[in-house]
């Protein structure tokens, strides 16, 4: 058998960044969807909890004393923001999923690019290639 020794001297940075982005985004799709679903569920639950505080009261000597706890605690702006976020529904979950996947894709591109730069500056991988015929 004929064998050849090949040395990888450097990697092209552009394709590494592209593959890093694609791989990072694809790997992050399912976790991003799950996390955005959990976030929207938590926002909806928190909005329901805080909106229930609008009419809080108790009885004293047969008289009901009620007050708006949202107004007392100055939570009107928070309640409005939670209502706006919860109003996006499944569309918001999908948009947030794509955004998270893109951010994680950018992170993958940065990591793979940094590894490529590090290898180009320091490394050399030697490969021994052996020629194989079609009969084997």
C-alpha atoms as a PDB file:
ATOM      1  CA  UNK A   1       0.000   0.000   0.000  1.00  0.00           C
ATOM      2  CA  UNK A   2       1.094   3.490  -0.757  1.00  0.00           C
ATOM      3  CA  UNK A   3       0.797   5.946   2.078  1.00  0.00           C
ATOM      4  CA  UNK A   4       1.257   9.682   2.049  1.00  0.00           C
ATOM      5  CA  UNK A   5       1.793  12.088   4.898  1.00  0.00           C
ATOM      6  CA  UNK A   6      -0.367  15.214   4.674  1.00  0.00           C
ATOM      7  CA  UNK A   7      -0.194  18.268   6.942  1.00  0.00           C
ATOM      8  CA  UNK A   8      -3.132  20.619   7.479  1.00  0.00           C
ATOM      9  CA  UNK A   9      -1.478  24.015   7.764  1.00  0.00           C
ATOM     10  CA  UNK A  10      -4.431  26.346   8.115  1.00  0.00           C
ATOM     11  CA  UNK A  11      -8.200  26.544   7.962  1.00  0.00           C
ATOM     12  CA  UNK A  12     -10.135  29.174   6.017  1.00  0.00           C
ATOM     13  CA  UNK A  13     -11.887  31.384   8.569  1.00  0.00           C
ATOM     14  CA  UNK A  14     -14.930  32.366   6.469  1.00  0.00           C
ATOM     15  CA  UNK A  15     -16.280  28.833   5.929  1.00  0.00           C
ATOM     16  CA  UNK A  16     -15.583  28.013   9.583  1.00  0.00           C
ATOM     17  CA  UNK A  17     -17.735  30.965  10.636  1.00  0.00           C
ATOM     18  CA  UNK A  18     -20.505  29.930   8.234  1.00  0.00           C
ATOM     19  CA  UNK A  19     -20.506  26.330   9.429  1.00  0.00           C
ATOM     20  CA  UNK A  20     -20.376  27.491  13.034  1.00  0.00           C
ATOM     21  CA  UNK A  21     -23.440  29.681  12.531  1.00  0.00           C
ATOM     22  CA  UNK A  22     -25.421  27.000  10.706  1.00  0.00           C
ATOM     23  CA  UNK A  23     -24.498  24.270  13.184  1.00  0.00           C
ATOM     24  CA  UNK A  24     -25.165  26.503  16.197  1.00  0.00           C
ATOM     25  CA  UNK A  25     -28.536  27.643  14.877  1.00  0.00           C
ATOM     26  CA  UNK A  26     -29.665  24.131  13.949  1.00  0.00           C
ATOM     27  CA  UNK A  27     -28.605  22.646  17.258  1.00  0.00           C
ATOM     28  CA  UNK A  28     -30.313  25.487  19.138  1.00  0.00           C
ATOM     29  CA  UNK A  29     -33.709  25.295  17.397  1.00  0.00           C
ATOM     30  CA  UNK A  30     -35.413  22.838  19.750  1.00  0.00           C
ATOM     31  CA  UNK A  31     -33.964  24.242  23.009  1.00  0.00           C
ATOM     32  CA  UNK A  32     -34.826  27.775  21.863  1.00  0.00           C
ATOM     33  CA  UNK A  33     -38.423  26.756  21.162  1.00  0.00           C
ATOM     34  CA  UNK A  34     -38.738  25.040  24.542  1.00  0.00           C
ATOM     35  CA  UNK A  35     -37.226  28.002  26.405  1.00  0.00           C
ATOM     36  CA  UNK A  36     -39.413  30.549  24.621  1.00  0.00           C
ATOM     37  CA  UNK A  37     -42.520  28.426  25.316  1.00  0.00           C
ATOM     38  CA  UNK A  38     -41.614  28.263  28.993  1.00  0.00           C
ATOM     39  CA  UNK A  39     -40.984  32.014  29.053  1.00  0.00           C
ATOM     40  CA  UNK A  40     -44.354  32.828  27.472  1.00  0.00           C
ATOM     41  CA  UNK A  41     -46.116  30.420  29.836  1.00  0.00           C
ATOM     42  CA  UNK A  42     -44.431  32.072  32.805  1.00  0.00           C
ATOM     43  CA  UNK A  43     -45.352  35.546  31.530  1.00  0.00           C
ATOM     44  CA  UNK A  44     -48.987  34.486  31.079  1.00  0.00           C
ATOM     45  CA  UNK A  45     -49.107  32.967  34.567  1.00  0.00           C
ATOM     46  CA  UNK A  46     -47.486  36.041  36.140  1.00  0.00           C
ATOM     47  CA  UNK A  47     -49.904  38.341  34.295  1.00  0.00           C
ATOM     48  CA  UNK A  48     -52.837  36.299  35.609  1.00  0.00           C
ATOM     49  CA  UNK A  49     -51.458  36.426  39.137  1.00  0.00           C
ATOM     50  CA  UNK A  50     -50.856  40.173  39.138  1.00  0.00           C
ATOM     51  CA  UNK A  51     -54.175  40.981  37.450  1.00  0.00           C
ATOM     52  CA  UNK A  52     -55.877  39.043  40.247  1.00  0.00           C
ATOM     53  CA  UNK A  53     -54.502  41.599  42.679  1.00  0.00           C
ATOM     54  CA  UNK A  54     -56.754  44.352  41.313  1.00  0.00           C
ATOM     55  CA  UNK A  55     -59.570  43.540  43.709  1.00  0.00           C
ATOM     56  CA  UNK A  56     -58.035  42.404  46.981  1.00  0.00           C
ATOM     57  CA  UNK A  57     -60.043  42.755  50.134  1.00  0.00           C
ATOM     58  CA  UNK A  58     -61.109  41.385  53.448  1.00  0.00           C
ATOM     59  CA  UNK A  59     -64.118  41.667  55.705  1.00  0.00           C
ATOM     60  CA  UNK A  60     -64.152  43.562  58.960  1.00  0.00           C
ATOM     61  CA  UNK A  61     -67.351  43.424  61.035  1.00  0.00           C
ATOM     62  CA  UNK A  62     -69.383  42.358  58.027  1.00  0.00           C
ATOM     63  CA  UNK A  63     -68.086  45.159  55.805  1.00  0.00           C
ATOM     64  CA  UNK A  64     -65.818  44.367  52.862  1.00  0.00           C
ATOM     65  CA  UNK A  65     -62.767  46.545  52.619  1.00  0.00           C
ATOM     66  CA  UNK A  66     -61.247  46.267  49.157  1.00  0.00           C
ATOM     67  CA  UNK A  67     -58.391  47.973  47.435  1.00  0.00           C
ATOM     68  CA  UNK A  68     -56.446  47.717  44.214  1.00  0.00           C
ATOM     69  CA  UNK A  69     -53.115  46.134  45.133  1.00  0.00           C
ATOM     70  CA  UNK A  70     -51.760  46.723  41.615  1.00  0.00           C
ATOM     71  CA  UNK A  71     -52.240  50.452  42.073  1.00  0.00           C
ATOM     72  CA  UNK A  72     -50.960  50.447  45.659  1.00  0.00           C
ATOM     73  CA  UNK A  73     -47.743  48.645  44.676  1.00  0.00           C
ATOM     74  CA  UNK A  74     -47.418  50.674  41.448  1.00  0.00           C
ATOM     75  CA  UNK A  75     -47.467  47.563  39.222  1.00  0.00           C
ATOM     76  CA  UNK A  76     -49.611  49.048  36.451  1.00  0.00           C
ATOM     77  CA  UNK A  77     -46.693  49.427  34.031  1.00  0.00           C
ATOM     78  CA  UNK A  78     -45.491  45.882  34.720  1.00  0.00           C
ATOM     79  CA  UNK A  79     -49.003  44.510  34.204  1.00  0.00           C
ATOM     80  CA  UNK A  80     -49.318  46.406  30.932  1.00  0.00           C
ATOM     81  CA  UNK A  81     -45.951  45.076  29.719  1.00  0.00           C
ATOM     82  CA  UNK A  82     -46.883  41.505  30.674  1.00  0.00           C
ATOM     83  CA  UNK A  83     -50.227  41.863  28.890  1.00  0.00           C
ATOM     84  CA  UNK A  84     -48.465  43.104  25.751  1.00  0.00           C
ATOM     85  CA  UNK A  85     -45.952  40.250  25.790  1.00  0.00           C
ATOM     86  CA  UNK A  86     -48.637  37.621  26.459  1.00  0.00           C
ATOM     87  CA  UNK A  87     -50.699  39.068  23.608  1.00  0.00           C
ATOM     88  CA  UNK A  88     -48.180  37.841  21.033  1.00  0.00           C
ATOM     89  CA  UNK A  89     -49.095  34.220  21.808  1.00  0.00           C
ATOM     90  CA  UNK A  90     -47.667  31.513  19.567  1.00  0.00           C
ATOM     91  CA  UNK A  91     -46.374  34.126  17.120  1.00  0.00           C
ATOM     92  CA  UNK A  92     -44.212  35.534  19.898  1.00  0.00           C
ATOM     93  CA  UNK A  93     -42.972  32.051  20.803  1.00  0.00           C
ATOM     94  CA  UNK A  94     -41.899  31.412  17.214  1.00  0.00           C
ATOM     95  CA  UNK A  95     -40.238  34.823  16.787  1.00  0.00           C
ATOM     96  CA  UNK A  96     -38.390  34.470  20.087  1.00  0.00           C
ATOM     97  CA  UNK A  97     -37.312  30.939  19.102  1.00  0.00           C
ATOM     98  CA  UNK A  98     -35.823  32.190  15.847  1.00  0.00           C
ATOM     99  CA  UNK A  99     -34.111  35.031  17.680  1.00  0.00           C
ATOM    100  CA  UNK A 100     -32.586  32.713  20.273  1.00  0.00           C
ATOM    101  CA  UNK A 101     -31.479  30.278  17.570  1.00  0.00           C
ATOM    102  CA  UNK A 102     -29.825  33.130  15.660  1.00  0.00           C
ATOM    103  CA  UNK A 103     -28.038  34.368  18.773  1.00  0.00           C
ATOM    104  CA  UNK A 104     -26.781  30.869  19.532  1.00  0.00           C
ATOM    105  CA  UNK A 105     -25.769  30.486  15.885  1.00  0.00           C
ATOM    106  CA  UNK A 106     -23.697  33.649  16.161  1.00  0.00           C
ATOM    107  CA  UNK A 107     -22.147  32.234  19.332  1.00  0.00           C
ATOM    108  CA  UNK A 108     -21.274  29.018  17.458  1.00  0.00           C
ATOM    109  CA  UNK A 109     -19.734  31.034  14.636  1.00  0.00           C
ATOM    110  CA  UNK A 110     -17.607  33.027  17.067  1.00  0.00           C
ATOM    111  CA  UNK A 111     -16.424  29.891  18.866  1.00  0.00           C
ATOM    112  CA  UNK A 112     -15.552  28.017  15.669  1.00  0.00           C
ATOM    113  CA  UNK A 113     -13.820  31.080  14.239  1.00  0.00           C
ATOM    114  CA  UNK A 114     -11.779  31.482  17.423  1.00  0.00           C
ATOM    115  CA  UNK A 115     -10.786  27.810  17.273  1.00  0.00           C
ATOM    116  CA  UNK A 116      -9.763  28.233  13.640  1.00  0.00           C
ATOM    117  CA  UNK A 117      -7.690  31.319  14.436  1.00  0.00           C
ATOM    118  CA  UNK A 118      -6.039  29.509  17.322  1.00  0.00           C
ATOM    119  CA  UNK A 119      -5.238  26.514  15.128  1.00  0.00           C
ATOM    120  CA  UNK A 120      -3.892  28.697  12.330  1.00  0.00           C
ATOM    121  CA  UNK A 121      -1.597  30.422  14.795  1.00  0.00           C
ATOM    122  CA  UNK A 122      -0.341  27.350  16.630  1.00  0.00           C
ATOM    123  CA  UNK A 123      -1.278  23.992  15.192  1.00  0.00           C
ATOM    124  CA  UNK A 124      -0.313  21.492  12.582  1.00  0.00           C
ATOM    125  CA  UNK A 125      -2.157  18.211  12.202  1.00  0.00           C
ATOM    126  CA  UNK A 126      -0.397  15.441  10.360  1.00  0.00           C
ATOM    127  CA  UNK A 127      -2.522  12.863   8.615  1.00  0.00           C
ATOM    128  CA  UNK A 128      -1.270   9.642   7.115  1.00  0.00           C
ATOM    129  CA  UNK A 129      -3.369   8.753   4.095  1.00  0.00           C
ATOM    130  CA  UNK A 130      -3.399   5.293   2.616  1.00  0.00           C
ATOM    131  CA  UNK A 131      -4.500   4.614  -0.907  1.00  0.00           C
ATOM    132  CA  UNK A 132      -7.246   1.988  -1.181  1.00  0.00           C
ATOM    133  CA  UNK A 133      -8.247   0.234  -4.374  1.00  0.00           C
ATOM    134  CA  UNK A 134     -11.860  -0.460  -5.277  1.00  0.00           C
ATOM    135  CA  UNK A 135     -11.461  -4.230  -4.747  1.00  0.00           C
ATOM    136  CA  UNK A 136     -10.629  -3.940  -1.057  1.00  0.00           C
END
